[in-house]
Protein backbone atom coordinates (compact mmCIF):
# COMPACT_ATOMS: atom_id res chain seq x y z
CA MET A 1 -0.65 -0.06 -0.26
CA ILE A 2 2.63 2.22 0.64
CA ASN A 3 3.27 2.41 -3.26
CA LYS A 4 0.28 4.25 -3.00
CA TYR A 5 1.28 6.67 -1.37
CA HIS A 6 4.42 7.57 -2.17
CA GLY A 7 1.95 7.83 -6.11
CA CYS A 8 -0.40 9.61 -5.06
CA LEU A 9 2.05 12.89 -4.10
CA LEU A 10 5.11 12.13 -6.95
CA GLY A 11 2.21 11.36 -9.07
CA LEU A 12 0.79 14.87 -8.52
CA ALA A 13 4.95 16.35 -8.26
CA ILE A 14 5.79 15.14 -11.79
CA GLY A 15 1.80 16.29 -13.24
CA ASP A 16 2.59 19.43 -12.22
CA ALA A 17 6.27 19.99 -13.82
CA LEU A 18 5.15 18.43 -16.79
CA GLY A 19 2.36 21.29 -17.06
CA ALA A 20 4.13 24.08 -15.86
CA PRO A 21 5.93 24.87 -19.20
CA VAL A 22 2.59 25.14 -21.37
CA GLU A 23 0.41 26.38 -19.01
CA SER A 24 -1.51 28.94 -19.86
CA LEU A 25 -0.89 28.35 -23.71
CA THR A 26 -3.30 27.20 -26.38
CA LEU A 27 -3.17 23.59 -27.60
CA GLN A 28 -1.86 24.96 -31.34
CA GLU A 29 1.11 26.61 -29.25
CA ILE A 30 1.53 23.87 -27.31
CA LYS A 31 2.54 22.29 -30.55
CA ARG A 32 4.50 24.81 -32.01
CA ARG A 33 6.24 24.73 -29.15
CA TYR A 34 7.13 20.89 -28.59
CA GLY A 35 6.06 19.57 -31.26
CA LYS A 36 3.00 17.49 -32.69
CA GLY A 37 2.65 15.20 -29.71
CA GLY A 38 3.22 18.10 -27.45
CA ILE A 39 5.09 18.25 -24.08
CA SER A 40 5.99 15.00 -23.81
CA ASP A 41 9.39 15.95 -21.21
CA PHE A 42 10.07 18.05 -18.52
CA ARG A 43 10.86 21.62 -19.52
CA GLU A 44 12.88 24.89 -17.50
CA TRP A 45 9.58 27.19 -17.08
CA GLY A 46 9.97 31.33 -16.09
CA SER A 47 13.79 31.02 -14.84
CA PHE A 48 12.95 27.40 -13.29
CA LYS A 49 14.79 24.51 -14.37
CA PRO A 50 12.92 21.33 -15.78
CA GLY A 51 11.70 19.36 -13.60
CA SER A 52 10.37 22.41 -10.61
CA TYR A 53 6.93 21.96 -9.24
CA THR A 54 4.31 25.23 -9.07
CA ASP A 55 2.56 26.63 -6.07
CA ASP A 56 -0.09 23.71 -6.71
CA THR A 57 2.44 20.62 -5.60
CA GLN A 58 3.67 23.07 -2.39
CA MET A 59 -0.03 23.79 -1.46
CA SER A 60 -0.38 19.83 -2.09
CA LEU A 61 2.90 19.42 0.05
CA ALA A 62 1.45 22.34 2.41
CA THR A 63 -2.02 20.07 3.19
CA ALA A 64 0.37 16.97 3.43
CA VAL A 65 1.71 18.15 6.20
CA GLY A 66 -1.62 19.90 8.19
CA CYS A 67 -3.39 16.65 8.03
CA ILE A 68 0.20 14.99 9.62
CA ARG A 69 0.20 18.02 12.35
CA ALA A 70 -3.49 17.99 13.19
CA CYS A 71 -2.85 13.99 13.70
CA GLN A 72 -0.42 14.88 16.40
CA ARG A 73 -2.29 17.49 18.09
CA GLY A 74 -5.60 15.20 17.57
CA ARG A 75 -3.74 12.34 19.74
CA SER A 76 -1.21 14.28 21.95
CA LYS A 77 -4.48 17.32 23.27
CA GLY A 78 -7.43 14.21 23.22
CA ILE A 79 -8.72 17.19 20.89
CA CYS A 80 -7.94 18.70 17.71
CA HIS A 81 -10.37 21.25 14.60
CA SER A 82 -8.38 19.88 11.59
CA ALA A 83 -9.06 23.13 9.65
CA SER A 84 -7.45 25.62 11.55
CA ILE A 85 -4.20 23.57 11.39
CA VAL A 86 -4.22 23.23 7.74
CA HIS A 87 -5.59 27.02 8.07
CA ARG A 88 -2.48 27.65 9.43
CA ARG A 89 -0.46 25.33 7.27
CA TYR A 90 -1.64 27.84 4.76
CA LEU A 91 -0.48 31.18 5.94
CA GLU A 92 3.05 29.86 6.62
CA TRP A 93 3.20 29.03 2.75
CA LEU A 94 1.73 32.28 2.39
CA LYS A 95 4.98 34.13 4.28
CA SER A 96 7.33 31.59 2.04
CA GLN A 97 5.56 33.77 -1.35
CA ASN A 98 8.04 37.05 -0.73
CA ASP A 99 10.67 34.54 -1.71
CA PRO A 100 10.74 34.61 -5.08
CA ASN A 101 12.40 31.18 -5.18
CA GLN A 102 9.19 30.27 -3.45
CA ARG A 103 6.85 32.03 -5.97
CA ARG A 104 5.70 29.76 -8.64
CA GLY A 105 2.41 31.55 -10.09
CA PRO A 106 0.55 30.84 -6.87
CA GLY A 107 -3.69 32.05 -7.77
CA ASN A 108 -4.65 35.06 -6.47
CA THR A 109 -8.26 34.14 -5.49
CA CYS A 110 -6.04 32.20 -2.66
CA LEU A 111 -4.11 35.08 -2.47
CA SER A 112 -6.31 37.46 -1.42
CA ALA A 113 -8.03 34.82 1.05
CA LEU A 114 -5.25 33.99 2.87
CA ARG A 115 -4.04 38.16 3.84
CA SER A 116 -7.89 38.69 3.96
CA GLY A 117 -6.93 37.35 8.11
CA GLU A 118 -9.96 34.61 7.68
CA MET A 119 -10.45 31.69 7.62
CA GLY A 120 -13.04 30.55 5.06
CA THR A 121 -15.67 27.58 5.98
CA MET A 122 -18.72 25.54 3.67
CA LYS A 123 -20.54 27.99 6.02
CA ASN A 124 -19.33 31.33 6.32
CA ARG A 125 -18.16 30.88 2.16
CA ILE A 126 -14.87 34.10 2.60
CA ASN A 127 -15.50 34.34 -1.72
CA ASP A 128 -17.90 32.80 -4.18
CA SER A 129 -14.67 32.13 -6.68
CA LYS A 130 -15.08 28.33 -8.28
CA GLY A 131 -11.45 28.06 -9.10
CA CYS A 132 -9.65 25.40 -8.61
CA GLY A 133 -7.22 26.00 -6.51
CA GLY A 134 -8.57 24.77 -3.96
CA VAL A 135 -9.00 21.49 -6.05
CA MET A 136 -5.29 21.46 -7.48
CA ARG A 137 -4.00 20.93 -3.24
CA THR A 138 -5.98 17.91 -1.67
CA ALA A 139 -5.06 15.21 -2.80
CA PRO A 140 -2.73 13.78 -0.39
CA VAL A 141 -5.85 14.27 2.09
CA GLY A 142 -7.36 11.22 1.09
CA LEU A 143 -4.15 9.32 1.63
CA ALA A 144 -5.55 10.61 6.25
CA PHE A 145 -8.90 9.70 6.24
CA PRO A 146 -11.82 7.15 5.41
CA SER A 147 -14.47 7.21 3.26
CA GLY A 148 -17.08 10.12 4.20
CA ARG A 149 -14.30 12.12 6.43
CA ALA A 150 -12.49 12.23 3.92
CA PHE A 151 -14.73 14.46 1.16
CA GLN A 152 -16.06 16.23 4.01
CA LYS A 153 -12.35 17.37 4.71
CA GLY A 154 -11.51 17.63 1.71
CA ALA A 155 -13.91 20.26 0.83
CA GLU A 156 -12.86 21.70 4.66
CA TYR A 157 -9.88 22.64 3.34
CA ALA A 158 -10.20 24.52 0.14
CA ALA A 159 -13.61 26.00 1.45
CA ILE A 160 -10.60 28.34 3.50
CA THR A 161 -9.81 29.74 0.43
CA HIS A 162 -12.85 28.79 -2.62
CA GLY A 163 -15.77 29.44 -1.05
CA HIS A 164 -18.36 28.60 -4.64
CA PRO A 165 -19.13 25.27 -4.82
CA CYS A 166 -17.74 24.16 -7.67
CA GLY A 167 -14.51 25.39 -5.55
CA TYR A 168 -14.57 23.85 -2.82
CA LEU A 169 -16.74 20.18 -3.50
CA PRO A 170 -14.11 19.05 -6.01
CA ALA A 171 -12.09 18.83 -3.70
CA GLY A 172 -14.34 17.27 -1.75
CA PHE A 173 -14.81 14.63 -3.87
CA LEU A 174 -11.36 13.64 -4.98
CA SER A 175 -10.17 13.29 -1.52
CA GLU A 176 -12.37 11.03 -1.30
CA MET A 177 -11.53 9.51 -4.91
CA ILE A 178 -8.38 9.25 -3.17
CA CYS A 179 -9.21 8.04 -0.38
CA HIS A 180 -10.65 4.66 -2.35
CA LEU A 181 -7.91 3.81 -4.77
CA ILE A 182 -5.29 4.33 -1.94
CA GLU A 183 -7.89 0.53 -0.80
CA SER A 184 -7.70 -0.81 -4.19
CA LYS A 185 -10.72 0.17 -5.79
CA THR A 186 -11.07 0.69 -9.12
CA LEU A 187 -11.07 3.41 -10.62
CA VAL A 188 -14.23 3.63 -11.47
CA GLU A 189 -15.14 2.20 -8.14
CA ALA A 190 -14.48 4.57 -6.94
CA ILE A 191 -15.73 7.73 -8.69
CA ASP A 192 -19.22 6.08 -8.24
CA LEU A 193 -18.58 5.70 -4.28
CA SER A 194 -16.83 9.28 -4.35
CA ILE A 195 -21.03 10.07 -6.19
CA LYS A 196 -23.18 9.16 -3.57
CA GLN A 197 -21.11 11.33 -0.87
CA LEU A 198 -20.91 13.99 -4.09
CA VAL A 199 -24.81 14.24 -4.17
CA THR A 200 -25.51 14.84 -0.12
CA TYR A 201 -24.21 18.11 -0.14
CA ASP A 202 -26.22 21.29 -1.65
CA LYS A 203 -26.31 22.88 -4.11
CA HIS A 204 -23.94 19.50 -5.64
CA SER A 205 -25.95 19.79 -9.61
CA GLU A 206 -22.59 21.57 -11.65
CA THR A 207 -19.81 19.37 -10.23
CA LEU A 208 -22.34 16.00 -10.81
CA GLU A 209 -22.55 17.29 -13.96
CA LYS A 210 -19.22 17.77 -15.27
CA ILE A 211 -18.83 13.84 -14.13
CA GLU A 212 -20.95 12.70 -15.45
CA LEU A 213 -19.39 14.35 -18.27
CA ALA A 214 -16.29 13.07 -17.81
CA ARG A 215 -17.65 9.89 -17.86
CA GLU A 216 -19.43 9.60 -21.05
CA LEU A 217 -17.15 11.27 -23.40
CA SER A 218 -14.14 8.76 -21.77
CA ALA A 219 -16.78 6.15 -23.35
CA GLY A 220 -17.27 7.51 -27.08
CA SER A 221 -15.28 8.31 -30.09
CA LYS A 222 -14.36 11.33 -29.49
CA SER A 223 -11.14 12.25 -29.37
CA VAL A 224 -9.10 12.98 -26.40
CA GLU A 225 -8.25 16.97 -27.59
CA GLU A 226 -11.92 17.51 -28.95
CA SER A 227 -13.17 15.61 -25.73
CA ILE A 228 -11.07 18.20 -23.70
CA GLN A 229 -11.84 20.66 -25.21
CA THR A 230 -15.89 20.30 -24.68
CA ILE A 231 -15.20 20.15 -20.45
CA GLY A 232 -14.27 22.84 -20.45
CA GLU A 233 -10.24 24.31 -19.31
CA GLY A 234 -9.67 23.98 -16.38
CA TRP A 235 -9.36 27.13 -14.91
CA VAL A 236 -12.35 26.50 -12.16
CA GLY A 237 -12.66 23.43 -9.90
CA ASP A 238 -15.47 21.19 -11.14
CA GLU A 239 -14.13 21.50 -15.12
CA ALA A 240 -10.10 21.09 -13.63
CA LEU A 241 -11.18 17.86 -11.44
CA ALA A 242 -13.46 16.47 -14.34
CA ILE A 243 -10.95 16.90 -17.03
CA SER A 244 -8.99 14.74 -15.05
CA VAL A 245 -10.82 12.34 -14.18
CA TYR A 246 -11.54 11.83 -18.26
CA CYS A 247 -7.74 11.21 -18.51
CA ALA A 248 -7.69 8.84 -15.85
CA LEU A 249 -10.08 6.99 -17.29
CA LYS A 250 -9.55 7.27 -21.26
CA PHE A 251 -5.52 6.02 -20.10
CA SER A 252 -6.50 4.16 -16.87
CA ASP A 253 -3.17 1.98 -16.83
CA ASP A 254 -1.32 4.19 -18.00
CA TRP A 255 -0.14 6.77 -15.90
CA GLU A 256 2.24 9.10 -19.07
CA LYS A 257 -0.12 8.72 -21.40
CA GLY A 258 -2.88 9.87 -18.54
CA THR A 259 -1.11 12.55 -17.02
CA LEU A 260 0.60 14.33 -20.88
CA SER A 261 -2.71 13.96 -21.94
CA ALA A 262 -3.86 15.69 -19.04
CA VAL A 263 -1.21 18.42 -19.81
CA ASN A 264 -1.68 19.08 -23.30
CA HIS A 265 -4.31 21.02 -23.82
CA SER A 266 -5.50 24.86 -23.78
CA GLY A 267 -6.23 25.80 -20.23
CA ASP A 268 -4.66 25.18 -16.61
CA SER A 269 -1.96 22.83 -18.01
CA ASP A 270 0.05 21.78 -14.10
CA SER A 271 -3.28 21.85 -12.40
CA THR A 272 -4.67 19.44 -14.27
CA GLY A 273 -1.44 17.64 -15.15
CA SER A 274 -1.28 16.59 -10.28
CA ILE A 275 -4.91 15.86 -9.98
CA THR A 276 -4.40 13.33 -13.08
CA GLY A 277 -0.60 12.28 -11.41
CA ALA A 278 -2.57 11.90 -8.63
CA ILE A 279 -4.82 9.72 -9.32
CA LEU A 280 -3.04 6.92 -11.44
CA GLY A 281 -0.89 7.83 -9.49
CA THR A 282 -2.33 6.67 -6.35
CA LEU A 283 -4.36 3.39 -9.07
CA LEU A 284 -1.57 2.18 -9.93
CA GLY A 285 1.32 2.48 -7.75
CA ILE A 286 4.64 4.27 -7.36
CA GLU A 287 5.89 2.11 -10.69
CA SER A 288 3.74 3.16 -12.53
CA ILE A 289 5.43 6.27 -13.50
CA PRO A 290 8.58 6.05 -15.45
CA SER A 291 12.09 6.29 -13.11
CA ARG A 292 13.54 9.07 -14.65
CA TRP A 293 10.94 11.98 -13.43
CA VAL A 294 10.85 10.77 -9.84
CA GLN A 295 14.63 10.77 -9.89
CA SER A 296 15.15 13.77 -11.07
CA VAL A 297 11.47 16.17 -10.53
CA GLU A 298 11.91 18.85 -8.06
CA GLU A 299 12.32 17.63 -4.09
CA SER A 300 11.98 14.21 -4.50
CA SER A 301 13.63 13.27 -1.84
CA ARG A 302 11.33 15.39 0.51
CA ILE A 303 8.22 14.14 -0.73
CA GLN A 304 8.67 10.52 -0.42
CA LYS A 305 9.55 11.03 3.18
CA ILE A 306 6.70 13.03 3.57
CA ALA A 307 4.25 10.12 1.46
CA ASN A 308 6.26 7.87 4.29
CA ASP A 309 5.08 9.75 7.27
CA MET A 310 1.74 9.73 6.05
CA PHE A 311 1.79 5.70 5.41
CA ARG A 312 3.39 5.69 8.98
CA ILE A 313 1.23 8.04 10.90
CA PHE A 314 -2.23 7.02 8.69
CA ARG A 315 -2.09 3.59 8.38
CA ASN A 316 1.20 2.07 10.93
CA GLY A 317 -0.66 4.78 13.27
CA GLU A 318 2.55 5.49 14.37
CA GLU A 319 4.53 8.80 16.62
CA LEU A 320 6.00 11.33 14.13
CA SER A 321 8.90 13.31 15.29
CA PHE A 322 6.93 16.35 16.86
CA LYS A 323 10.37 18.76 16.21
CA GLU A 324 9.33 18.22 12.69
CA TYR A 325 5.47 17.56 13.29
CA ARG A 326 5.15 19.76 16.10
CA PRO A 327 1.28 20.38 15.93
CA ASN A 328 0.63 24.33 16.50
């Protein structure tokens, strides 16, 4: 099972790094720049070297560490409001954005929400944003919580910064999917079980419609390019989730093909690459991801350590170092 933890976290980071150089480019521009098949390997982007990840991975790892800290606090104090712990970890990330080397294209919604001094919830919404900045960071939640709670916590953590149901419900859905894939459910089973959770939440119709569209397209005869275009560009949460679900279903036995299909489109390529990479990495395990990327993605060793620590605390019930994961 630990191979799925590694597959999830490294999969999201590698998918993110593959999509980073082509984020915001049209598919035509991607093909002109990288050839008919589109981007197929790590490339430089901005001032960063090939294999560098973006804010998507930064915030996903912040979520992972926040989950560990919350568990440590719950065990040591007997009480914990986990969303507050995760929020504090996001505020630490916010401070890091003053360093140009750490500023990796952060979303304006995340920045403004965290700078506001308030913490959004599903009941007390901080804004009406349906951007994908919520869903792109919550895959690790599925490594930490069982069914039901994974959906709830994923949605809660996204609602810290994104107040529209299309901003936080896709995050809950992704977290729920990951928790079922960890338990070796098939991809179709994980989607079906996650839908059962989704429909218990208010204002779920837009997200559900996009997921059903992704399922329909994955079983149809349209090309991958045309299918993704039908879903959207991935800038909003329900579209980013649906593109990723589509690519995972279409290439459910091939991490590389699925993730590359998720980055070669017009739109938010790093986010859809990251989400797809996490889904397929959890489904197929770390061994499904080409070793050249596992070895060369930014901070591979650190990501593997966090995956190990999540496995140890959430699966083995171990207590980790308070010096490293001190609850606050």
